[in-house]
C-alpha atoms as a PDB file:
ATOM      1  CA  MET A   1     -63.084 -97.034-102.090  1.00  0.00           C
ATOM      2  CA  ARG A   2     -62.971 -93.831-104.072  1.00  0.00           C
ATOM      3  CA  THR A   3     -65.795 -94.875-106.420  1.00  0.00           C
ATOM      4  CA  THR A   4     -67.890 -95.989-103.002  1.00  0.00           C
ATOM      5  CA  ALA A   5     -67.189 -92.441-101.965  1.00  0.00           C
ATOM      6  CA  ARG A   6     -68.035 -90.613-104.977  1.00  0.00           C
ATOM      7  CA  TRP A   7     -71.433 -92.461-105.165  1.00  0.00           C
ATOM      8  CA  ALA A   8     -72.069 -91.295-101.937  1.00  0.00           C
ATOM      9  CA  ALA A   9     -71.393 -87.790-102.155  1.00  0.00           C
ATOM     10  CA  THR A  10     -73.704 -87.755-105.402  1.00  0.00           C
ATOM     11  CA  LEU A  11     -76.594 -89.751-103.618  1.00  0.00           C
ATOM     12  CA  ALA A  12     -76.516 -87.123-100.775  1.00  0.00           C
ATOM     13  CA  LEU A  13     -76.219 -84.377-103.091  1.00  0.00           C
ATOM     14  CA  THR A  14     -79.395 -85.526-105.667  1.00  0.00           C
ATOM     15  CA  ALA A  15     -80.952 -86.335-101.981  1.00  0.00           C
ATOM     16  CA  THR A  16     -80.582 -83.223-100.834  1.00  0.00           C
ATOM     17  CA  ALA A  17     -81.481 -81.232-103.978  1.00  0.00           C
ATOM     18  CA  VAL A  18     -84.232 -83.475-104.625  1.00  0.00           C
ATOM     19  CA  CYS A  19     -86.014 -83.628-100.480  1.00  0.00           C
ATOM     20  CA  GLY A  20     -84.313 -80.324 -99.732  1.00  0.00           C
ATOM     21  CA  PRO A  21     -87.703 -78.174-101.218  1.00  0.00           C
ATOM     22  CA  LEU A  22     -90.008 -80.500 -99.168  1.00  0.00           C
ATOM     23  CA  THR A  23     -88.319 -79.744 -95.812  1.00  0.00           C
ATOM     24  CA  GLY A  24     -90.195 -76.197 -95.608  1.00  0.00           C
ATOM     25  CA  SER A  25     -94.006 -77.945 -96.104  1.00  0.00           C
ATOM     26  CA  ALA A  26     -94.176 -79.118 -92.995  1.00  0.00           C
ATOM     27  CA  PHE A  27     -94.420 -75.695 -91.343  1.00  0.00           C
ATOM     28  CA  ALA A  28     -97.274 -74.916 -94.177  1.00  0.00           C
ATOM     29  CA  ALA A  29    -100.551 -74.426 -92.938  1.00  0.00           C
ATOM     30  CA  PRO A  30    -102.799 -77.845 -93.071  1.00  0.00           C
ATOM     31  CA  ASP A  31    -105.468 -76.323 -95.438  1.00  0.00           C
ATOM     32  CA  ALA A  32    -103.275 -74.563 -97.631  1.00  0.00           C
ATOM     33  CA  ALA A  33    -103.385 -75.802-100.866  1.00  0.00           C
ATOM     34  CA  PRO A  34    -100.078 -75.753-103.537  1.00  0.00           C
ATOM     35  CA  ALA A  35    -100.069 -73.029-105.842  1.00  0.00           C
ATOM     36  CA  SER A  36     -99.256 -75.666-109.013  1.00  0.00           C
ATOM     37  CA  LEU A  37     -98.282 -79.309-109.804  1.00  0.00           C
ATOM     38  CA  TYR A  38     -95.024 -80.267-111.025  1.00  0.00           C
ATOM     39  CA  ALA A  39     -93.025 -82.971-111.945  1.00  0.00           C
ATOM     40  CA  PRO A  40     -89.832 -82.780-110.242  1.00  0.00           C
ATOM     41  CA  SER A  41     -86.220 -81.432-111.590  1.00  0.00           C
ATOM     42  CA  ALA A  42     -83.436 -81.931-109.516  1.00  0.00           C
ATOM     43  CA  LEU A  43     -79.687 -82.491-110.799  1.00  0.00           C
ATOM     44  CA  VAL A  44     -76.861 -82.809-109.645  1.00  0.00           C
ATOM     45  CA  LEU A  45     -73.555 -82.203-111.841  1.00  0.00           C
ATOM     46  CA  THR A  46     -70.127 -83.055-111.122  1.00  0.00           C
ATOM     47  CA  LEU A  47     -66.814 -82.160-113.502  1.00  0.00           C
ATOM     48  CA  ALA A  48     -63.624 -84.308-113.000  1.00  0.00           C
ATOM     49  CA  HIS A  49     -60.137 -84.934-115.034  1.00  0.00           C
ATOM     50  CA  GLY A  50     -59.418 -88.042-116.721  1.00  0.00           C
ATOM     51  CA  ASP A  51     -60.639 -90.455-118.844  1.00  0.00           C
ATOM     52  CA  ASP A  52     -62.669 -92.854-116.427  1.00  0.00           C
ATOM     53  CA  ALA A  53     -65.358 -91.238-113.982  1.00  0.00           C
ATOM     54  CA  THR A  54     -65.091 -94.266-112.127  1.00  0.00           C
ATOM     55  CA  LEU A  55     -61.219 -94.387-111.608  1.00  0.00           C
ATOM     56  CA  THR A  56     -61.608 -90.306-110.869  1.00  0.00           C
ATOM     57  CA  THR A  57     -62.842 -87.229-108.292  1.00  0.00           C
ATOM     58  CA  PRO A  58     -65.016 -85.140-108.623  1.00  0.00           C
ATOM     59  CA  VAL A  59     -63.242 -81.575-108.872  1.00  0.00           C
ATOM     60  CA  ARG A  60     -66.642 -79.440-108.914  1.00  0.00           C
ATOM     61  CA  ALA A  61     -70.343 -80.579-108.117  1.00  0.00           C
ATOM     62  CA  VAL A  62     -73.574 -77.939-108.408  1.00  0.00           C
ATOM     63  CA  THR A  63     -77.000 -78.830-108.215  1.00  0.00           C
ATOM     64  CA  LEU A  64     -79.730 -77.806-110.259  1.00  0.00           C
ATOM     65  CA  SER A  65     -83.608 -77.707-109.906  1.00  0.00           C
ATOM     66  CA  CYS A  66     -85.759 -76.208-112.222  1.00  0.00           C
ATOM     67  CA  ALA A  67     -88.981 -76.286-111.204  1.00  0.00           C
ATOM     68  CA  PRO A  68     -90.988 -74.684-110.116  1.00  0.00           C
ATOM     69  CA  THR A  69     -88.889 -71.980-110.178  1.00  0.00           C
ATOM     70  CA  PRO A  70     -84.373 -72.265-111.257  1.00  0.00           C
ATOM     71  CA  SER A  71     -82.362 -72.889-108.392  1.00  0.00           C
ATOM     72  CA  GLY A  72     -79.334 -74.634-106.726  1.00  0.00           C
ATOM     73  CA  THR A  73     -75.676 -74.104-106.303  1.00  0.00           C
ATOM     74  CA  HIS A  74     -75.304 -73.653-110.142  1.00  0.00           C
ATOM     75  CA  PRO A  75     -73.551 -70.643-110.884  1.00  0.00           C
ATOM     76  CA  ASP A  76     -76.348 -69.439-113.429  1.00  0.00           C
ATOM     77  CA  ALA A  77     -79.170 -71.660-112.453  1.00  0.00           C
ATOM     78  CA  ALA A  78     -81.701 -70.117-114.842  1.00  0.00           C
ATOM     79  CA  SER A  79     -79.615 -70.075-118.382  1.00  0.00           C
ATOM     80  CA  ALA A  80     -78.762 -74.202-117.166  1.00  0.00           C
ATOM     81  CA  CYS A  81     -82.670 -74.725-116.823  1.00  0.00           C
ATOM     82  CA  VAL A  82     -83.436 -72.657-120.256  1.00  0.00           C
ATOM     83  CA  GLU A  83     -80.932 -74.654-122.086  1.00  0.00           C
ATOM     84  CA  LEU A  84     -81.791 -77.941-120.634  1.00  0.00           C
ATOM     85  CA  ARG A  85     -85.530 -77.241-121.791  1.00  0.00           C
ATOM     86  CA  GLY A  86     -84.186 -76.439-125.188  1.00  0.00           C
ATOM     87  CA  VAL A  87     -83.444 -80.167-125.692  1.00  0.00           C
ATOM     88  CA  GLY A  88     -86.344 -81.344-123.678  1.00  0.00           C
ATOM     89  CA  GLY A  89     -84.020 -82.836-121.179  1.00  0.00           C
ATOM     90  CA  ASN A  90     -82.068 -85.002-123.376  1.00  0.00           C
ATOM     91  CA  PHE A  91     -78.434 -84.323-122.711  1.00  0.00           C
ATOM     92  CA  GLU A  92     -77.649 -86.427-126.072  1.00  0.00           C
ATOM     93  CA  ALA A  93     -79.126 -83.679-128.242  1.00  0.00           C
ATOM     94  CA  LEU A  94     -76.780 -81.258-127.017  1.00  0.00           C
ATOM     95  CA  LYS A  95     -74.465 -80.093-129.901  1.00  0.00           C
ATOM     96  CA  SER A  96     -71.365 -78.099-130.237  1.00  0.00           C
ATOM     97  CA  ARG A  97     -72.073 -74.301-130.662  1.00  0.00           C
ATOM     98  CA  ASP A  98     -70.954 -73.224-134.383  1.00  0.00           C
ATOM     99  CA  GLY A  99     -67.611 -71.109-135.156  1.00  0.00           C
ATOM    100  CA  VAL A 100     -66.212 -72.217-131.348  1.00  0.00           C
ATOM    101  CA  LEU A 101     -62.108 -72.861-131.902  1.00  0.00           C
ATOM    102  CA  CYS A 102     -60.361 -75.636-129.737  1.00  0.00           C
ATOM    103  CA  THR A 103     -56.954 -76.556-129.503  1.00  0.00           C
ATOM    104  CA  LYS A 104     -56.096 -80.520-130.310  1.00  0.00           C
ATOM    105  CA  GLN A 105     -54.799 -80.457-126.685  1.00  0.00           C
ATOM    106  CA  TYR A 106     -55.940 -83.830-125.050  1.00  0.00           C
ATOM    107  CA  ASP A 107     -56.611 -83.067-121.062  1.00  0.00           C
ATOM    108  CA  PRO A 108     -59.917 -85.240-120.882  1.00  0.00           C
ATOM    109  CA  VAL A 109     -62.831 -83.770-118.963  1.00  0.00           C
ATOM    110  CA  ILE A 110     -65.883 -85.860-117.949  1.00  0.00           C
ATOM    111  CA  VAL A 111     -69.225 -84.239-116.378  1.00  0.00           C
ATOM    112  CA  THR A 112     -71.444 -86.510-115.191  1.00  0.00           C
ATOM    113  CA  VAL A 113     -75.063 -85.684-114.380  1.00  0.00           C
ATOM    114  CA  GLN A 114     -77.523 -87.903-112.461  1.00  0.00           C
ATOM    115  CA  GLY A 115     -80.860 -86.864-110.466  1.00  0.00           C
ATOM    116  CA  VAL A 116     -84.845 -86.429-111.761  1.00  0.00           C
ATOM    117  CA  TRP A 117     -85.684 -84.614-115.207  1.00  0.00           C
ATOM    118  CA  GLN A 118     -89.505 -84.056-114.581  1.00  0.00           C
ATOM    119  CA  GLY A 119     -90.301 -86.464-112.586  1.00  0.00           C
ATOM    120  CA  GLN A 120     -87.270 -89.268-114.723  1.00  0.00           C
ATOM    121  CA  ARG A 121     -84.500 -90.667-113.449  1.00  0.00           C
ATOM    122  CA  VAL A 122     -81.149 -88.862-115.201  1.00  0.00           C
ATOM    123  CA  SER A 123     -77.961 -90.664-115.664  1.00  0.00           C
ATOM    124  CA  TYR A 124     -75.559 -88.865-118.265  1.00  0.00           C
ATOM    125  CA  GLU A 125     -71.310 -89.031-118.585  1.00  0.00           C
ATOM    126  CA  ARG A 126     -69.568 -87.922-121.014  1.00  0.00           C
ATOM    127  CA  THR A 127     -65.624 -87.254-121.712  1.00  0.00           C
ATOM    128  CA  PHE A 128     -65.183 -84.221-123.544  1.00  0.00           C
ATOM    129  CA  GLY A 129     -61.125 -83.718-125.015  1.00  0.00           C
ATOM    130  CA  ASN A 130     -60.722 -80.648-123.174  1.00  0.00           C
ATOM    131  CA  GLU A 131     -62.362 -77.777-121.205  1.00  0.00           C
ATOM    132  CA  CYS A 132     -62.644 -75.888-124.574  1.00  0.00           C
ATOM    133  CA  VAL A 133     -65.003 -78.478-126.590  1.00  0.00           C
ATOM    134  CA  LYS A 134     -66.577 -78.921-123.085  1.00  0.00           C
ATOM    135  CA  GLY A 135     -67.908 -75.366-123.458  1.00  0.00           C
ATOM    136  CA  SER A 136     -68.671 -75.203-126.564  1.00  0.00           C
ATOM    137  CA  TYR A 137     -71.323 -77.737-125.872  1.00  0.00           C
ATOM    138  CA  THR A 138     -73.461 -75.112-124.180  1.00  0.00           C
ATOM    139  CA  THR A 139     -73.117 -71.615-122.641  1.00  0.00           C
ATOM    140  CA  SER A 140     -74.188 -71.586-119.369  1.00  0.00           C
ATOM    141  CA  LEU A 141     -75.188 -75.596-117.999  1.00  0.00           C
ATOM    142  CA  PHE A 142     -71.672 -77.325-118.319  1.00  0.00           C
ATOM    143  CA  ALA A 143     -70.152 -73.532-116.997  1.00  0.00           C
ATOM    144  CA  PHE A 144     -69.344 -74.700-113.161  1.00  0.00           C
END
């Protein structure tokens, strides 16, 4: 049951992030042309504590949209979009920063990302050993 509720919440946030900006277009003038075309980029990032994302409940969730401008509920959407563009939207390419020292205390933190990045479906999940290790991988993308 918890897994169903988690996916329902994730899907609802993704739908809001992707479709929310579209609702204002119904009020635009019929002959108004868009300023530019862009591939949609709208993500839902969640954070949970535990070993398995399917068995945990997210403690935080934020939305992040990077096109046409950074927006969403992410506390630093502009910097998060810069980091994500720096790796071409490939979350696997995120590397830990040099010089960050963390304890070896095991207190697992799970980050999941669901949504669309430049028109392509994205599904990412990673378990970090603790909050410090999670923070060493980005400066703002996972800081929510």
